[in-house]
C-alpha cells in the first residue's frame, strides 16, 4: 500500500470539521457542538502531525 503526505488544506479542514460534528452528534453532542468549534480543534492539531484519509480526488470524507 502506498501513501502520499499532503498538507491539509482549508477545504479539508472544513470537511473534517463537518465530519466531527456529524459523527459525534448522535452520542456525544457536546463534544463538537458546532463546526466552528470542531474547526478550532483541527487547527490546533495542525500544529502537530495530523493524518487524514483522502479519496482519489483528494476529498476528505466529503
C-alpha atoms as a PDB file:
ATOM      1  CA  UNK A   1       0.000   0.000   0.000  1.00  0.00           C
ATOM      2  CA  UNK A   2       1.361   3.424  -0.948  1.00  0.00           C
ATOM      3  CA  UNK A   3       0.804   6.607   0.998  1.00  0.00           C
ATOM      4  CA  UNK A   4       1.475  10.178  -0.023  1.00  0.00           C
ATOM      5  CA  UNK A   5       1.712  13.007   2.502  1.00  0.00           C
ATOM      6  CA  UNK A   6      -0.064  16.256   1.662  1.00  0.00           C
ATOM      7  CA  UNK A   7      -0.627  19.465   3.548  1.00  0.00           C
ATOM      8  CA  UNK A   8      -4.108  19.692   4.996  1.00  0.00           C
ATOM      9  CA  UNK A   9      -5.781  22.488   3.044  1.00  0.00           C
ATOM     10  CA  UNK A  10      -8.651  24.726   4.104  1.00  0.00           C
ATOM     11  CA  UNK A  11     -11.225  22.632   2.234  1.00  0.00           C
ATOM     12  CA  UNK A  12     -10.001  19.512   4.034  1.00  0.00           C
ATOM     13  CA  UNK A  13     -10.192  21.268   7.397  1.00  0.00           C
ATOM     14  CA  UNK A  14     -13.770  22.331   6.701  1.00  0.00           C
ATOM     15  CA  UNK A  15     -14.792  18.819   5.597  1.00  0.00           C
ATOM     16  CA  UNK A  16     -13.139  17.245   8.645  1.00  0.00           C
ATOM     17  CA  UNK A  17     -14.847  19.751  10.949  1.00  0.00           C
ATOM     18  CA  UNK A  18     -18.251  18.932   9.460  1.00  0.00           C
ATOM     19  CA  UNK A  19     -17.488  15.233   9.843  1.00  0.00           C
ATOM     20  CA  UNK A  20     -16.594  15.624  13.527  1.00  0.00           C
ATOM     21  CA  UNK A  21     -19.851  17.439  14.238  1.00  0.00           C
ATOM     22  CA  UNK A  22     -21.938  14.904  12.292  1.00  0.00           C
ATOM     23  CA  UNK A  23     -20.280  11.793  13.728  1.00  0.00           C
ATOM     24  CA  UNK A  24     -20.265  12.889  17.363  1.00  0.00           C
ATOM     25  CA  UNK A  25     -23.740  14.480  17.352  1.00  0.00           C
ATOM     26  CA  UNK A  26     -25.697  11.269  17.999  1.00  0.00           C
ATOM     27  CA  UNK A  27     -23.801  10.034  21.065  1.00  0.00           C
ATOM     28  CA  UNK A  28     -21.705  12.971  22.325  1.00  0.00           C
ATOM     29  CA  UNK A  29     -23.397  16.172  21.130  1.00  0.00           C
ATOM     30  CA  UNK A  30     -21.354  18.356  23.462  1.00  0.00           C
ATOM     31  CA  UNK A  31     -18.040  17.105  22.048  1.00  0.00           C
ATOM     32  CA  UNK A  32     -18.243  19.272  18.918  1.00  0.00           C
ATOM     33  CA  UNK A  33     -21.472  21.282  19.130  1.00  0.00           C
ATOM     34  CA  UNK A  34     -20.591  23.477  16.155  1.00  0.00           C
ATOM     35  CA  UNK A  35     -18.476  23.386  13.028  1.00  0.00           C
ATOM     36  CA  UNK A  36     -16.569  26.422  14.333  1.00  0.00           C
ATOM     37  CA  UNK A  37     -15.550  24.561  17.495  1.00  0.00           C
ATOM     38  CA  UNK A  38     -14.575  21.467  15.523  1.00  0.00           C
ATOM     39  CA  UNK A  39     -12.564  23.632  13.110  1.00  0.00           C
ATOM     40  CA  UNK A  40     -10.723  25.229  16.040  1.00  0.00           C
ATOM     41  CA  UNK A  41      -9.794  21.778  17.346  1.00  0.00           C
ATOM     42  CA  UNK A  42      -8.466  20.736  13.943  1.00  0.00           C
ATOM     43  CA  UNK A  43      -6.492  23.976  13.583  1.00  0.00           C
ATOM     44  CA  UNK A  44      -4.865  23.259  16.936  1.00  0.00           C
ATOM     45  CA  UNK A  45      -3.952  19.770  15.737  1.00  0.00           C
ATOM     46  CA  UNK A  46      -2.449  21.173  12.518  1.00  0.00           C
ATOM     47  CA  UNK A  47       0.451  22.442  14.629  1.00  0.00           C
ATOM     48  CA  UNK A  48       1.316  18.765  15.121  1.00  0.00           C
ATOM     49  CA  UNK A  49       1.289  15.804  12.772  1.00  0.00           C
ATOM     50  CA  UNK A  50      -2.276  15.113  11.657  1.00  0.00           C
ATOM     51  CA  UNK A  51      -3.203  12.145   9.473  1.00  0.00           C
ATOM     52  CA  UNK A  52      -6.379  12.187   7.414  1.00  0.00           C
ATOM     53  CA  UNK A  53      -7.927   9.827   4.896  1.00  0.00           C
ATOM     54  CA  UNK A  54      -8.433  11.264   1.410  1.00  0.00           C
ATOM     55  CA  UNK A  55     -10.131   9.652  -1.537  1.00  0.00           C
ATOM     56  CA  UNK A  56      -8.550   9.550  -5.003  1.00  0.00           C
ATOM     57  CA  UNK A  57      -9.811  13.048  -5.769  1.00  0.00           C
ATOM     58  CA  UNK A  58      -8.300  14.476  -2.595  1.00  0.00           C
ATOM     59  CA  UNK A  59     -11.660  14.839  -0.832  1.00  0.00           C
ATOM     60  CA  UNK A  60     -11.657  14.467   2.915  1.00  0.00           C
ATOM     61  CA  UNK A  61     -14.654  12.284   3.798  1.00  0.00           C
ATOM     62  CA  UNK A  62     -16.858  14.538   1.720  1.00  0.00           C
END
